[in-house]
Each structure stands twice: as C-alpha cells, then as structure tokens.
C-alpha cells in the first residue's frame, strides 16, 4: 500500500515524513499511472478544497479510483455546513465542557494533527473530531457563552502550522502511517487491506490468539494485508477495504457502531450490522423461524399479559431467554412454578418481551459454521458436566466449566442437520454464522443462529486446519474484488 500525500507544489513542501510519497495535485489528476494503481491511499493536503478546485478534484477522483482520500468529498461538504457543526456541538456537549472547564478565556483554538494535539489533555476531543471530520490537518474554534460550544472547524494547510509544531506534526503523521504495519512480502504483494477488530483483553474472545495468527497467515496467502485493530482505531476505518470482527459483538456496544461506520465507508464487513441486529434478538429469531416453517423448540413470546401461557403450553421444566442472550448467558432453566414466576418477573423488568421455550435435553448441540451460504465446519458441543448447557456459569456470568467438543467433516454430518442449518442461516444473510441445533431422533430443531461464531485453533479448525482460515480470507478477497468492480450491467 502506497501512502500518497498530494500537495500543490512538492518543491515547497517543508515536512519530511518517512515512508510516504509526495506528489503534486496536477500530477495526480493527469498522470495515468495514478488512475491505474489500486494499491494507494491518498492524503489530500492541497491549499483549497473549494468546489471544482484542484484540491476538490483530487478527493473526487481519488474516491473514484478507490484510493480512499482524506478528506473525502463528504467531509469537505460537512466542514462547510453550520447545521452539521451545530448538531455536532450538541452531541459532544459533555465532552466539550469537560475538555475546557478549566479555561478562563471565552475563546479557544484547537489544532488537530492526525487526530492529536500538542497538549495530551486535548487528545481525546481531537481524536473525536478527527473521527468525524476525517482530514489530516484541522483547526477548531470554540467559544464560551455560558457554556463552551464548537463555533467552527476547518482544514488547514502546512503554512498554517506554527514552526514550533512542525516536528510534532511529523511525529503524528509518522505514527499514524506506521499504524499500517506495512511489511515486505516474500511472495504476494497485497492488493487490499483488511482490518481485524479484536480485544486483546477479552476473557472469552471468538478466536484465540493462535487462530488470529492463522487468519493473518491466510490473509497473506491470498493477497490481503491484514492488520489487527482495536476499538480505538475506529477513526482509521476509511484506510481499509474490509473489516473482520473477531471481538464479541452486541448491539449496544462499540462493535455495532464500528460495523455501522465501516458499512457507511463502503467496506466489506463481517459481521455486518444487519446480521448483528437479527442474531442478537431471540424474539426476532423466534418470529422469523416460525414464519418460514424452520423447526424450533415449542416457543412462546412472553409479555406481562400472557405469562400464564408458559406452563399451560410448555410445561416444566422450560427455558426462559432474555432477547439478547448469547453464549449461555441470559438463558435460564426453571423447574418449578416458583422459579418460573421469579425469573419471568426478573426478565420482564428488563425487557417488554422475552422468549420461553420447551426444554429439549440432549447430550450435545450441533454447531454448523456457515459462511457465504456454505457450511465450512461441523462441531458437537457437549454439555458441561452435570449441567444442561455447554457452559456452566457462576452468578456473575463467568464460565467456570465447559463441556467437551469434537469436530467432524461436513460430509460426515447428517444431511438433515446441514440442510436445516443452511435454511436458518440463509434467512439472516450471507455472512459468517454459527448455527446451533439439537437433534432428537431424525428431527432437528434450531436453537439459535449466532453472528460472530467461535473459530478457535484446536476446535473448529480440527478438520480443515489452515484451509478453514484460507477459505474465509478467500471470501473476503472475492467480495472486495466484486465491490471494486462495481455492479454488473445487464
């Protein structure tokens, strides 16, 4: 990946930033070599972005060439909009007051260099503004009239940077660009960039550290430059062609917001926000599968006015689920009427609707890993010792015991298991899903479809080994290439 700084006149450009190429706006707009190069990231530092100026056209054509310019045309337009600035000031009010509460003056100017300020105290608000207005060099003006407000924000040129700040700007740019972790490739020159979102501190991540390394190796093998990112790198999403989420997802969580942002930036995304929304809500899944005649355990959607239906229709014991339950959390088995009344009251105090299901005891659950509407792996997750679930958790939700598991090839699995899993997953989308089923006799019942399924070295990859990781990376490559080509004309 080439980092390209586009300026009006490279001969007068005063900042030497290691590892980047500086070129003129005229060259970028007129040299055919730039339009043919797909492996370039453009940072537009022209003096003006006025409509139909050369700076404007640099961002416009960079977007058309797939060069992901900073700033892009949308950012240029947003910087001109007082409505956007007023709305942003209201949205950031708490952060603005916190940042400037000690200032005695009525005005304050904040210079933002690649998301940072010379004073570390202002880095948080600088990064937030850089995240929204994705331009390398920004200057924001704040005014105080009872409370602090954002009055204006604009891009600046290198001539606006004080001499005393220039070394800091070079350091900021160098740190920002080095975040790309570009490496010399022995065999394959990467054509596209893939961000893998993970949380190194997560106790129960969807992929263990060995699996993450295998994804990196597989990405390199198919020609993708995979970089590990965390939630703090959200402002860098525009640098990538695709996002792969390997951190446990939730709708009221940064993983969902990051996925939304990535979709808005035009990235190929797995897990996509739509899949997260659908998979995370058990009420939705119950309605969806019932409507499409997908076999599920006998199920009721419960509210305050139909609690009596549970025992009458499902009997005891039965299973109660909060709508956003996952990984054995938020799922309760009740054996008595007292337990039923107590748990229903507790769950309905948090949600207007919950799910009640008949209890189907089995020694294991089938887990079918599906991606791009194809089954990739088949596991049997056995119940934890002396427990009715795969995970046995304490009152705080921590897993203190886990059942065994084994993996078989897709061809060894019963046809009905694969067929039922595919029907259920295909109703959600074409992403990466883990479909859980119970099999009683010859009949299969869908328990749930999970986005963000576990792929751990030693478990899910036990049959396909490294080929499992290459398969998923190949799907990313195929989708990125299709997106770069644009829609097919019929």
Protein backbone atom coordinates (compact mmCIF):
# COMPACT_ATOMS: atom_id res chain seq x y z
CA UNK A 1 0.00 0.00 0.00
CA UNK A 2 1.45 3.36 -1.10
CA UNK A 3 0.80 6.36 1.13
CA UNK A 4 0.46 9.37 -1.17
CA UNK A 5 0.49 12.98 0.02
CA UNK A 6 -0.99 15.23 -2.65
CA UNK A 7 0.04 18.89 -2.37
CA UNK A 8 0.02 21.89 -4.67
CA UNK A 9 3.79 22.15 -5.00
CA UNK A 10 6.05 19.35 -3.74
CA UNK A 11 9.12 21.58 -4.13
CA UNK A 12 7.90 23.88 -1.37
CA UNK A 13 6.61 21.11 0.88
CA UNK A 14 8.52 21.56 4.17
CA UNK A 15 7.74 18.34 6.06
CA UNK A 16 9.79 15.20 5.53
CA UNK A 17 7.65 12.23 6.59
CA UNK A 18 9.35 8.83 6.28
CA UNK A 19 7.77 6.19 4.08
CA UNK A 20 5.36 8.40 2.13
CA UNK A 21 5.34 9.70 -1.44
CA UNK A 22 4.67 13.40 -2.09
CA UNK A 23 3.23 14.40 -5.45
CA UNK A 24 1.55 17.43 -6.97
CA UNK A 25 -2.18 17.77 -7.48
CA UNK A 26 -1.57 18.27 -11.20
CA UNK A 27 0.40 15.02 -11.45
CA UNK A 28 -2.21 13.09 -9.52
CA UNK A 29 -5.02 14.39 -11.71
CA UNK A 30 -3.28 13.95 -15.06
CA UNK A 31 -0.77 11.08 -14.79
CA UNK A 32 -2.45 7.81 -15.96
CA UNK A 33 -0.21 5.81 -13.64
CA UNK A 34 -2.17 7.07 -10.63
CA UNK A 35 -5.53 6.08 -12.07
CA UNK A 36 -4.27 2.56 -12.74
CA UNK A 37 -2.76 1.97 -9.29
CA UNK A 38 -5.32 0.34 -6.97
CA UNK A 39 -2.96 0.00 -4.02
CA UNK A 40 -2.77 3.65 -2.95
CA UNK A 41 -4.12 5.71 -0.06
CA UNK A 42 -4.43 9.46 -0.72
CA UNK A 43 -4.00 12.21 1.85
CA UNK A 44 -5.12 15.43 0.21
CA UNK A 45 -3.18 18.39 1.63
CA UNK A 46 -3.93 20.91 -1.09
CA UNK A 47 -4.34 24.56 -0.13
CA UNK A 48 -8.01 24.72 -1.12
CA UNK A 49 -10.91 22.31 -1.40
CA UNK A 50 -13.24 24.86 -2.98
CA UNK A 51 -15.78 23.48 -5.43
CA UNK A 52 -14.10 22.50 -8.72
CA UNK A 53 -10.64 23.49 -7.50
CA UNK A 54 -7.74 21.07 -7.99
CA UNK A 55 -7.96 20.12 -4.31
CA UNK A 56 -11.64 19.30 -4.74
CA UNK A 57 -10.92 17.15 -7.79
CA UNK A 58 -8.11 15.29 -6.02
CA UNK A 59 -10.57 13.98 -3.42
CA UNK A 60 -13.27 13.38 -6.02
CA UNK A 61 -11.05 11.35 -8.36
CA UNK A 62 -9.30 9.56 -5.51
CA UNK A 63 -12.67 8.23 -4.39
CA UNK A 64 -13.45 7.10 -7.94
CA UNK A 65 -10.06 5.33 -8.12
CA UNK A 66 -10.62 3.51 -4.83
CA UNK A 67 -7.83 5.46 -3.11
CA UNK A 68 -9.93 6.32 -0.02
CA UNK A 69 -8.96 10.01 0.22
CA UNK A 70 -8.68 12.00 3.43
CA UNK A 71 -10.58 14.27 3.38
CA UNK A 72 -13.25 12.82 1.12
CA UNK A 73 -15.93 14.89 -0.62
CA UNK A 74 -18.48 14.26 2.13
CA UNK A 75 -16.09 15.60 4.75
CA UNK A 76 -15.36 18.66 2.61
CA UNK A 77 -19.09 19.38 2.40
CA UNK A 78 -19.67 18.73 6.11
CA UNK A 79 -16.96 21.22 7.05
CA UNK A 80 -18.96 23.91 5.23
CA UNK A 81 -22.24 23.08 6.96
CA UNK A 82 -23.20 25.14 10.00
CA UNK A 83 -26.04 22.70 10.60
CA UNK A 84 -23.57 19.81 10.93
CA UNK A 85 -21.35 21.85 13.24
CA UNK A 86 -24.27 22.90 15.48
CA UNK A 87 -25.57 19.34 15.68
CA UNK A 88 -22.09 18.06 16.49
CA UNK A 89 -21.64 20.69 19.20
CA UNK A 90 -24.84 19.48 20.87
CA UNK A 91 -23.84 15.83 20.53
CA UNK A 92 -20.40 16.48 22.04
CA UNK A 93 -21.57 18.91 24.71
CA UNK A 94 -20.45 16.86 27.70
CA UNK A 95 -17.04 16.13 26.20
CA UNK A 96 -16.56 19.79 25.22
CA UNK A 97 -17.40 21.06 28.72
CA UNK A 98 -15.07 18.50 30.29
CA UNK A 99 -12.18 19.41 27.98
CA UNK A 100 -12.38 23.19 28.50
CA UNK A 101 -13.82 23.56 32.01
CA UNK A 102 -10.58 24.97 33.44
CA UNK A 103 -10.12 27.65 30.78
CA UNK A 104 -10.73 31.24 31.85
CA UNK A 105 -10.91 32.72 28.36
CA UNK A 106 -14.02 32.98 26.16
CA UNK A 107 -12.37 31.56 23.03
CA UNK A 108 -10.11 28.62 22.35
CA UNK A 109 -8.45 27.37 19.16
CA UNK A 110 -7.67 23.67 18.89
CA UNK A 111 -5.19 22.45 16.27
CA UNK A 112 -5.64 18.79 15.32
CA UNK A 113 -2.82 16.93 13.60
CA UNK A 114 -3.80 13.41 12.52
CA UNK A 115 -6.15 13.21 15.50
CA UNK A 116 -3.76 14.64 18.08
CA UNK A 117 -2.95 17.93 19.78
CA UNK A 118 0.34 19.16 21.17
CA UNK A 119 -1.27 19.04 24.64
CA UNK A 120 -2.18 15.47 25.59
CA UNK A 121 -5.12 16.77 27.63
CA UNK A 122 -6.90 17.59 24.36
CA UNK A 123 -6.13 14.32 22.56
CA UNK A 124 -9.50 12.78 23.35
CA UNK A 125 -11.55 15.59 21.85
CA UNK A 126 -9.05 15.93 18.98
CA UNK A 127 -9.45 12.27 18.09
CA UNK A 128 -13.25 12.57 18.28
CA UNK A 129 -13.26 15.47 15.83
CA UNK A 130 -10.78 13.72 13.55
CA UNK A 131 -13.00 10.65 13.67
CA UNK A 132 -15.93 12.73 12.37
CA UNK A 133 -14.11 15.13 10.04
CA UNK A 134 -11.53 12.84 8.53
CA UNK A 135 -8.93 15.34 7.38
CA UNK A 136 -5.24 15.20 8.33
CA UNK A 137 -4.90 18.82 9.48
CA UNK A 138 -7.80 20.58 11.22
CA UNK A 139 -8.38 23.66 13.31
CA UNK A 140 -11.45 24.01 15.54
CA UNK A 141 -12.67 27.22 17.15
CA UNK A 142 -14.62 27.03 20.42
CA UNK A 143 -16.44 29.92 22.10
CA UNK A 144 -17.99 30.26 25.54
CA UNK A 145 -21.38 31.86 26.12
CA UNK A 146 -22.43 30.36 29.44
CA UNK A 147 -21.22 27.02 28.08
CA UNK A 148 -18.50 26.08 25.61
CA UNK A 149 -19.62 25.41 22.04
CA UNK A 150 -17.96 24.41 18.79
CA UNK A 151 -18.13 27.54 16.65
CA UNK A 152 -16.27 26.39 13.53
CA UNK A 153 -13.90 23.77 12.20
CA UNK A 154 -11.83 23.90 9.04
CA UNK A 155 -8.94 22.23 7.30
CA UNK A 156 -5.59 24.00 7.43
CA UNK A 157 -2.55 23.96 5.19
CA UNK A 158 1.03 23.34 6.16
CA UNK A 159 1.66 27.11 6.10
CA UNK A 160 -0.86 27.44 8.96
CA UNK A 161 1.22 25.19 11.19
CA UNK A 162 3.47 27.14 13.58
CA UNK A 163 7.16 26.40 13.17
CA UNK A 164 7.24 25.12 16.76
CA UNK A 165 4.59 22.49 15.91
CA UNK A 166 6.19 21.07 12.77
CA UNK A 167 8.30 18.37 14.40
CA UNK A 168 5.22 17.28 16.35
CA UNK A 169 3.20 17.10 13.11
CA UNK A 170 5.89 14.93 11.51
CA UNK A 171 5.80 12.62 14.54
CA UNK A 172 1.98 12.45 14.42
CA UNK A 173 2.00 11.64 10.72
CA UNK A 174 4.77 9.06 11.11
CA UNK A 175 2.93 7.35 13.97
CA UNK A 176 -0.32 7.41 12.03
CA UNK A 177 1.15 5.96 8.87
CA UNK A 178 3.23 3.37 10.72
CA UNK A 179 -0.02 2.06 12.13
CA UNK A 180 -0.47 0.49 8.72
CA UNK A 181 2.23 -2.05 9.69
CA UNK A 182 3.35 -2.44 6.13
CA UNK A 183 5.63 -5.42 5.69
CA UNK A 184 7.88 -6.65 2.91
CA UNK A 185 6.21 -9.62 1.23
CA UNK A 186 8.20 -12.57 0.00
CA UNK A 187 5.64 -13.97 -2.38
CA UNK A 188 2.48 -11.94 -2.71
CA UNK A 189 2.12 -8.19 -2.94
CA UNK A 190 -1.06 -7.37 -1.01
CA UNK A 191 -3.72 -5.78 -3.17
CA UNK A 192 -6.23 -4.93 -0.45
CA UNK A 193 -6.28 -4.05 3.24
CA UNK A 194 -8.28 -5.96 5.82
CA UNK A 195 -8.80 -4.76 9.39
CA UNK A 196 -9.39 -7.44 12.03
CA UNK A 197 -11.10 -5.96 15.08
CA UNK A 198 -10.23 -7.71 18.31
CA UNK A 199 -9.90 -7.05 22.02
CA UNK A 200 -6.63 -8.39 23.45
CA UNK A 201 -8.11 -8.16 26.97
CA UNK A 202 -11.28 -10.16 26.26
CA UNK A 203 -11.68 -13.22 28.50
CA UNK A 204 -13.78 -15.28 26.06
CA UNK A 205 -12.95 -13.97 22.57
CA UNK A 206 -14.47 -15.58 19.46
CA UNK A 207 -10.98 -16.52 18.25
CA UNK A 208 -7.99 -17.40 20.40
CA UNK A 209 -4.57 -15.89 19.77
CA UNK A 210 -3.38 -18.87 17.71
CA UNK A 211 -6.43 -18.56 15.45
CA UNK A 212 -5.77 -14.83 14.98
CA UNK A 213 -2.25 -15.65 13.81
CA UNK A 214 -3.63 -18.22 11.38
CA UNK A 215 -6.02 -15.62 9.96
CA UNK A 216 -3.02 -13.31 9.44
CA UNK A 217 -1.10 -16.04 7.63
CA UNK A 218 -4.12 -16.96 5.49
CA UNK A 219 -4.72 -13.32 4.57
CA UNK A 220 -1.14 -13.00 3.37
CA UNK A 221 -1.52 -16.18 1.31
CA UNK A 222 -4.48 -14.78 -0.66
CA UNK A 223 -3.01 -11.29 -1.10
CA UNK A 224 -4.62 -9.36 1.76
CA UNK A 225 -2.73 -7.11 4.15
CA UNK A 226 -4.38 -7.91 7.50
CA UNK A 227 -3.91 -5.50 10.37
CA UNK A 228 -5.14 -6.04 13.90
CA UNK A 229 -7.12 -3.07 15.20
CA UNK A 230 -8.99 -2.28 18.40
CA UNK A 231 -11.95 -0.04 19.16
CA UNK A 232 -9.53 2.90 19.44
CA UNK A 233 -8.80 2.64 15.71
CA UNK A 234 -12.34 3.43 14.59
CA UNK A 235 -11.16 6.70 13.06
CA UNK A 236 -8.92 4.72 10.67
CA UNK A 237 -11.62 2.56 9.08
CA UNK A 238 -11.52 4.53 5.83
CA UNK A 239 -7.99 3.22 5.26
CA UNK A 240 -9.22 -0.35 4.77
CA UNK A 241 -11.14 -2.32 2.17
CA UNK A 242 -12.77 -4.72 4.62
CA UNK A 243 -13.47 -5.29 8.31
CA UNK A 244 -13.50 -8.67 10.05
CA UNK A 245 -14.86 -8.55 13.61
CA UNK A 246 -13.27 -11.01 16.00
CA UNK A 247 -14.49 -9.38 19.19
CA UNK A 248 -17.71 -10.45 20.89
CA UNK A 249 -20.49 -8.36 19.38
CA UNK A 250 -23.57 -6.68 20.85
CA UNK A 251 -25.95 -4.06 19.51
CA UNK A 252 -25.45 -1.64 22.41
CA UNK A 253 -21.69 -1.87 22.01
CA UNK A 254 -18.81 -0.33 20.09
CA UNK A 255 -18.63 -3.40 17.82
CA UNK A 256 -22.02 -2.48 16.35
CA UNK A 257 -21.10 1.19 15.91
CA UNK A 258 -17.81 0.25 14.27
CA UNK A 259 -19.60 -2.15 11.90
CA UNK A 260 -22.10 0.60 11.01
CA UNK A 261 -19.28 3.03 10.35
CA UNK A 262 -17.43 0.50 8.19
CA UNK A 263 -20.53 -0.13 6.08
CA UNK A 264 -21.00 3.62 5.64
CA UNK A 265 -17.38 3.84 4.47
CA UNK A 266 -18.05 1.21 1.81
CA UNK A 267 -16.06 -1.62 3.39
CA UNK A 268 -16.85 -5.30 3.10
CA UNK A 269 -17.92 -6.13 6.66
CA UNK A 270 -18.22 -9.36 8.60
CA UNK A 271 -20.16 -9.30 10.96
CA UNK A 272 -22.41 -6.75 9.31
CA UNK A 273 -24.79 -4.64 11.44
CA UNK A 274 -27.89 -6.26 9.95
CA UNK A 275 -26.70 -9.73 10.97
CA UNK A 276 -25.87 -8.45 14.45
CA UNK A 277 -29.35 -6.98 14.86
CA UNK A 278 -31.08 -10.15 13.71
CA UNK A 279 -28.94 -12.70 15.54
CA UNK A 280 -28.82 -10.79 18.81
CA UNK A 281 -32.59 -10.78 19.35
CA UNK A 282 -34.21 -14.08 20.24
CA UNK A 283 -37.71 -12.62 19.84
CA UNK A 284 -36.90 -11.74 16.23
CA UNK A 285 -35.42 -15.18 15.55
CA UNK A 286 -38.46 -16.94 17.02
CA UNK A 287 -40.82 -14.94 14.80
CA UNK A 288 -38.61 -15.37 11.72
CA UNK A 289 -38.20 -19.12 12.03
CA UNK A 290 -41.87 -19.68 12.81
CA UNK A 291 -42.95 -17.67 9.77
CA UNK A 292 -40.64 -19.65 7.49
CA UNK A 293 -41.50 -23.05 9.00
CA UNK A 294 -37.98 -23.63 10.32
CA UNK A 295 -38.25 -26.26 13.09
CA UNK A 296 -37.57 -24.81 16.55
CA UNK A 297 -38.50 -26.00 20.05
CA UNK A 298 -42.07 -25.09 21.01
CA UNK A 299 -41.75 -21.36 21.62
CA UNK A 300 -43.78 -18.51 23.11
CA UNK A 301 -43.05 -14.79 23.03
CA UNK A 302 -43.95 -13.68 26.53
CA UNK A 303 -45.19 -10.32 27.80
CA UNK A 304 -46.91 -9.25 31.01
CA UNK A 305 -50.34 -10.34 29.78
CA UNK A 306 -49.63 -13.93 28.73
CA UNK A 307 -47.39 -15.29 31.49
CA UNK A 308 -49.98 -17.96 32.32
CA UNK A 309 -49.48 -19.49 28.85
CA UNK A 310 -45.99 -20.73 29.70
CA UNK A 311 -46.82 -23.63 31.99
CA UNK A 312 -50.02 -24.44 30.10
CA UNK A 313 -48.28 -24.77 26.70
CA UNK A 314 -44.69 -25.67 27.52
CA UNK A 315 -44.85 -27.44 30.85
CA UNK A 316 -41.96 -27.57 33.30
CA UNK A 317 -39.03 -27.54 33.16
CA UNK A 318 -38.79 -24.91 30.43
CA UNK A 319 -36.25 -22.40 29.16
CA UNK A 320 -36.51 -18.61 29.54
CA UNK A 321 -34.37 -16.32 27.41
CA UNK A 322 -33.80 -12.60 27.54
CA UNK A 323 -33.95 -11.23 23.96
CA UNK A 324 -30.22 -10.53 23.68
CA UNK A 325 -28.99 -13.72 25.34
CA UNK A 326 -25.88 -15.41 23.95
CA UNK A 327 -23.20 -17.95 24.87
CA UNK A 328 -25.40 -19.50 27.62
CA UNK A 329 -25.76 -16.07 29.27
CA UNK A 330 -29.25 -14.68 29.81
CA UNK A 331 -30.71 -18.18 29.44
CA UNK A 332 -32.37 -19.85 32.44
CA UNK A 333 -33.95 -23.24 33.05
CA UNK A 334 -36.83 -23.18 35.51
CA UNK A 335 -38.07 -26.37 37.15
CA UNK A 336 -40.82 -25.18 39.48
CA UNK A 337 -43.69 -22.71 39.43
CA UNK A 338 -41.93 -20.53 42.00
CA UNK A 339 -38.77 -20.41 39.87
CA UNK A 340 -40.87 -19.64 36.81
CA UNK A 341 -42.67 -16.71 38.44
CA UNK A 342 -39.46 -15.33 39.92
CA UNK A 343 -37.47 -15.49 36.65
CA UNK A 344 -40.27 -14.16 34.46
CA UNK A 345 -40.70 -11.18 36.78
CA UNK A 346 -36.95 -10.53 36.74
CA UNK A 347 -36.62 -10.78 32.96
CA UNK A 348 -39.71 -8.69 32.20
CA UNK A 349 -38.36 -5.93 34.43
CA UNK A 350 -35.55 -5.55 31.86
CA UNK A 351 -37.44 -6.16 28.60
CA UNK A 352 -41.05 -5.87 27.46
CA UNK A 353 -40.75 -9.20 25.66
CA UNK A 354 -38.91 -12.42 26.47
CA UNK A 355 -38.81 -15.90 24.95
CA UNK A 356 -39.98 -19.11 26.59
CA UNK A 357 -39.15 -22.48 25.03
CA UNK A 358 -39.77 -26.10 25.80
CA UNK A 359 -36.79 -27.88 27.32
CA UNK A 360 -35.20 -30.40 24.94
CA UNK A 361 -32.41 -32.23 26.81
CA UNK A 362 -29.59 -33.61 24.64
CA UNK A 363 -26.02 -34.68 25.37
CA UNK A 364 -24.65 -32.22 22.80
CA UNK A 365 -25.59 -29.36 20.47
CA UNK A 366 -24.64 -29.36 16.82
CA UNK A 367 -22.72 -26.24 15.76
CA UNK A 368 -22.57 -25.67 12.00
CA UNK A 369 -20.20 -22.92 10.84
CA UNK A 370 -21.58 -21.27 7.71
CA UNK A 371 -20.05 -18.52 5.58
CA UNK A 372 -21.12 -17.22 2.20
CA UNK A 373 -24.12 -19.60 2.39
CA UNK A 374 -21.83 -22.66 2.57
CA UNK A 375 -21.11 -24.99 5.52
CA UNK A 376 -17.44 -24.85 6.50
CA UNK A 377 -17.19 -26.84 9.73
CA UNK A 378 -19.29 -29.07 11.96
CA UNK A 379 -18.78 -29.38 15.72
CA UNK A 380 -20.51 -31.18 18.54
CA UNK A 381 -20.51 -29.10 21.71
CA UNK A 382 -21.23 -31.38 24.67
CA UNK A 383 -23.00 -30.23 27.81
CA UNK A 384 -20.85 -29.24 30.78
CA UNK A 385 -20.56 -31.92 33.46
CA UNK A 386 -23.77 -32.19 35.49
CA UNK A 387 -25.28 -29.25 33.67
CA UNK A 388 -27.84 -28.70 30.92
CA UNK A 389 -25.76 -26.18 28.92
CA UNK A 390 -22.42 -26.19 27.13
CA UNK A 391 -21.13 -23.54 29.57
CA UNK A 392 -21.73 -23.62 33.30
CA UNK A 393 -21.53 -20.09 34.63
CA UNK A 394 -21.45 -18.57 38.09
CA UNK A 395 -23.80 -15.81 39.24
CA UNK A 396 -21.58 -13.09 37.75
CA UNK A 397 -21.69 -14.74 34.31
CA UNK A 398 -18.15 -16.14 34.28
CA UNK A 399 -17.75 -19.62 32.80
CA UNK A 400 -16.16 -21.94 35.35
CA UNK A 401 -16.70 -25.18 33.43
CA UNK A 402 -17.25 -26.10 29.81
CA UNK A 403 -18.29 -29.25 28.02
CA UNK A 404 -16.06 -31.19 25.67
CA UNK A 405 -16.27 -30.78 21.91
CA UNK A 406 -15.32 -32.64 18.77
CA UNK A 407 -15.27 -31.75 15.08
CA UNK A 408 -16.26 -33.81 12.06
CA UNK A 409 -16.24 -33.11 8.35
CA UNK A 410 -19.30 -31.60 6.72
CA UNK A 411 -19.77 -34.81 4.74
CA UNK A 412 -19.98 -36.89 7.93
CA UNK A 413 -22.79 -34.79 9.43
CA UNK A 414 -26.40 -35.93 8.96
CA UNK A 415 -27.93 -34.37 5.85
CA UNK A 416 -30.90 -33.05 7.83
CA UNK A 417 -28.59 -31.19 10.21
CA UNK A 418 -26.77 -29.40 7.38
CA UNK A 419 -29.96 -28.73 5.42
CA UNK A 420 -31.78 -27.24 8.43
CA UNK A 421 -28.78 -25.11 9.44
CA UNK A 422 -28.45 -23.66 5.94
CA UNK A 423 -32.15 -22.80 5.78
CA UNK A 424 -31.91 -20.90 9.04
CA UNK A 425 -28.66 -19.08 8.27
CA UNK A 426 -29.79 -18.06 4.79
CA UNK A 427 -32.73 -16.19 6.34
CA UNK A 428 -30.20 -13.99 8.16
CA UNK A 429 -27.78 -13.23 5.32
CA UNK A 430 -24.59 -14.37 3.63
CA UNK A 431 -22.13 -13.62 6.42
CA UNK A 432 -20.33 -15.82 8.95
CA UNK A 433 -22.72 -17.63 11.29
CA UNK A 434 -22.68 -20.38 13.88
CA UNK A 435 -25.95 -22.31 13.79
CA UNK A 436 -26.84 -24.28 16.93
CA UNK A 437 -29.21 -27.24 16.60
CA UNK A 438 -30.50 -30.05 18.74
CA UNK A 439 -31.25 -33.41 17.17
CA UNK A 440 -33.88 -35.70 18.65
CA UNK A 441 -34.28 -38.86 16.64
CA UNK A 442 -34.31 -37.85 13.00
CA UNK A 443 -35.68 -34.38 13.65
CA UNK A 444 -33.57 -31.23 14.05
CA UNK A 445 -34.51 -28.09 15.95
CA UNK A 446 -32.79 -24.74 15.52
CA UNK A 447 -31.78 -23.28 18.87
CA UNK A 448 -30.21 -20.09 17.54
CA UNK A 449 -28.15 -18.54 14.77
CA UNK A 450 -25.13 -16.63 16.06
CA UNK A 451 -23.17 -13.93 14.34
CA UNK A 452 -19.50 -13.79 15.35
CA UNK A 453 -19.16 -17.56 15.95
CA UNK A 454 -16.16 -19.09 17.64
CA UNK A 455 -13.27 -20.11 15.41
CA UNK A 456 -10.51 -21.39 17.68
CA UNK A 457 -7.36 -23.29 16.87
CA UNK A 458 -7.83 -26.85 18.03
CA UNK A 459 -11.63 -26.91 17.87
CA UNK A 460 -13.45 -25.51 14.84
CA UNK A 461 -10.37 -25.97 12.63
CA UNK A 462 -9.72 -29.56 13.71
CA UNK A 463 -10.73 -30.99 10.31
CA UNK A 464 -9.87 -28.32 7.74
CA UNK A 465 -6.81 -26.99 9.62
CA UNK A 466 -5.30 -23.95 7.86
CA UNK A 467 -7.71 -24.35 4.94
CA UNK A 468 -10.54 -23.04 7.13
CA UNK A 469 -8.78 -19.71 7.57
CA UNK A 470 -7.86 -19.50 3.88
CA UNK A 471 -11.47 -20.21 2.95
CA UNK A 472 -12.74 -17.26 4.98
CA UNK A 473 -9.99 -14.95 3.74
CA UNK A 474 -10.79 -16.04 0.19
CA UNK A 475 -14.40 -14.98 0.71
CA UNK A 476 -13.22 -11.54 1.81
CA UNK A 477 -10.99 -11.29 -1.27
CA UNK A 478 -13.84 -12.28 -3.59
CA UNK A 479 -16.17 -9.70 -2.08
CA UNK A 480 -13.61 -6.90 -2.13
CA UNK A 481 -12.86 -7.60 -5.79
CA UNK A 482 -16.57 -7.61 -6.62
CA UNK A 483 -17.07 -4.29 -4.85
CA UNK A 484 -14.12 -2.72 -6.65
CA UNK A 485 -15.56 -3.82 -10.00
CA UNK A 486 -18.89 -2.23 -9.16
CA UNK A 487 -22.35 -3.50 -10.04
CA UNK A 488 -22.67 -5.70 -13.10
CA UNK A 489 -24.51 -4.25 -16.06
CA UNK A 490 -27.27 -6.39 -17.51
